[in-house]
């Protein structure tokens, strides 16, 4: 039996990759990266009001260029 109570201040957003629910326990900053628990993809917060996330861009090595 799950005895955890839901956090009323938690923010919920849908993962654009797998459509799983991503729960944020605190208000994120724009540009912050969070991870989806369903598919483990990194998501970047692109808007606070309304809360919106997109898949985070992959960072490429520049190898000193």
C-alpha atoms as a PDB file:
ATOM      1  CA  UNK A   1       0.000   0.000   0.000  1.00  0.00           C
ATOM      2  CA  UNK A   2       1.363   3.418  -1.000  1.00  0.00           C
ATOM      3  CA  UNK A   3       1.317   5.742   2.012  1.00  0.00           C
ATOM      4  CA  UNK A   4       2.832   8.744   0.262  1.00  0.00           C
ATOM      5  CA  UNK A   5       0.542  11.726  -0.043  1.00  0.00           C
ATOM      6  CA  UNK A   6       0.628  13.727  -3.266  1.00  0.00           C
ATOM      7  CA  UNK A   7       2.530  17.005  -3.127  1.00  0.00           C
ATOM      8  CA  UNK A   8      -0.039  19.740  -3.843  1.00  0.00           C
ATOM      9  CA  UNK A   9       2.700  22.166  -4.924  1.00  0.00           C
ATOM     10  CA  UNK A  10       4.230  19.717  -7.432  1.00  0.00           C
ATOM     11  CA  UNK A  11       4.145  20.730 -11.082  1.00  0.00           C
ATOM     12  CA  UNK A  12       3.275  18.177 -13.731  1.00  0.00           C
ATOM     13  CA  UNK A  13       4.254  18.227 -17.393  1.00  0.00           C
ATOM     14  CA  UNK A  14       4.059  15.613 -20.149  1.00  0.00           C
ATOM     15  CA  UNK A  15       7.244  14.222 -21.681  1.00  0.00           C
ATOM     16  CA  UNK A  16       7.238  15.070 -25.413  1.00  0.00           C
ATOM     17  CA  UNK A  17       9.185  11.890 -26.176  1.00  0.00           C
ATOM     18  CA  UNK A  18       7.168   9.167 -24.419  1.00  0.00           C
ATOM     19  CA  UNK A  19       4.072  11.051 -23.126  1.00  0.00           C
ATOM     20  CA  UNK A  20       4.840   9.937 -19.552  1.00  0.00           C
ATOM     21  CA  UNK A  21       4.056  12.303 -16.676  1.00  0.00           C
ATOM     22  CA  UNK A  22       7.060  14.217 -15.333  1.00  0.00           C
ATOM     23  CA  UNK A  23       6.539  15.585 -11.821  1.00  0.00           C
ATOM     24  CA  UNK A  24       8.665  18.519 -10.676  1.00  0.00           C
ATOM     25  CA  UNK A  25       8.841  18.969  -6.906  1.00  0.00           C
ATOM     26  CA  UNK A  26       9.767  22.640  -7.147  1.00  0.00           C
ATOM     27  CA  UNK A  27       9.287  25.488  -9.598  1.00  0.00           C
ATOM     28  CA  UNK A  28      12.003  25.107 -12.272  1.00  0.00           C
ATOM     29  CA  UNK A  29      14.025  27.857 -13.914  1.00  0.00           C
ATOM     30  CA  UNK A  30      13.788  28.483 -17.638  1.00  0.00           C
ATOM     31  CA  UNK A  31      16.659  26.570 -19.268  1.00  0.00           C
ATOM     32  CA  UNK A  32      16.852  24.008 -16.454  1.00  0.00           C
ATOM     33  CA  UNK A  33      17.317  20.391 -17.539  1.00  0.00           C
ATOM     34  CA  UNK A  34      15.196  17.639 -15.955  1.00  0.00           C
ATOM     35  CA  UNK A  35      15.047  13.920 -16.720  1.00  0.00           C
ATOM     36  CA  UNK A  36      11.961  11.920 -17.627  1.00  0.00           C
ATOM     37  CA  UNK A  37      11.499   8.938 -15.328  1.00  0.00           C
ATOM     38  CA  UNK A  38       9.793   6.936 -18.071  1.00  0.00           C
ATOM     39  CA  UNK A  39      12.293   7.109 -20.932  1.00  0.00           C
ATOM     40  CA  UNK A  40      15.301   8.826 -19.232  1.00  0.00           C
ATOM     41  CA  UNK A  41      15.476  11.538 -21.915  1.00  0.00           C
ATOM     42  CA  UNK A  42      16.798  14.930 -20.784  1.00  0.00           C
ATOM     43  CA  UNK A  43      14.185  17.686 -21.043  1.00  0.00           C
ATOM     44  CA  UNK A  44      14.848  21.414 -21.050  1.00  0.00           C
ATOM     45  CA  UNK A  45      12.336  23.795 -19.478  1.00  0.00           C
ATOM     46  CA  UNK A  46      11.576  26.264 -22.295  1.00  0.00           C
ATOM     47  CA  UNK A  47       8.664  28.115 -20.675  1.00  0.00           C
ATOM     48  CA  UNK A  48       7.535  28.708 -17.094  1.00  0.00           C
ATOM     49  CA  UNK A  49       4.057  30.150 -17.752  1.00  0.00           C
ATOM     50  CA  UNK A  50       2.701  27.910 -19.124  1.00  0.00           C
ATOM     51  CA  UNK A  51       5.113  25.197 -18.033  1.00  0.00           C
ATOM     52  CA  UNK A  52       6.558  23.576 -21.159  1.00  0.00           C
ATOM     53  CA  UNK A  53       9.514  21.274 -21.824  1.00  0.00           C
ATOM     54  CA  UNK A  54      11.290  20.074 -24.975  1.00  0.00           C
ATOM     55  CA  UNK A  55      13.979  17.471 -25.541  1.00  0.00           C
ATOM     56  CA  UNK A  56      17.294  19.008 -24.488  1.00  0.00           C
ATOM     57  CA  UNK A  57      19.787  19.474 -27.323  1.00  0.00           C
ATOM     58  CA  UNK A  58      22.742  17.100 -27.345  1.00  0.00           C
ATOM     59  CA  UNK A  59      25.963  18.903 -26.430  1.00  0.00           C
ATOM     60  CA  UNK A  60      28.751  18.130 -28.867  1.00  0.00           C
ATOM     61  CA  UNK A  61      32.457  18.176 -27.996  1.00  0.00           C
ATOM     62  CA  UNK A  62      34.327  21.028 -29.679  1.00  0.00           C
ATOM     63  CA  UNK A  63      37.752  19.389 -29.241  1.00  0.00           C
ATOM     64  CA  UNK A  64      39.416  22.779 -28.771  1.00  0.00           C
ATOM     65  CA  UNK A  65      38.140  24.210 -32.040  1.00  0.00           C
END
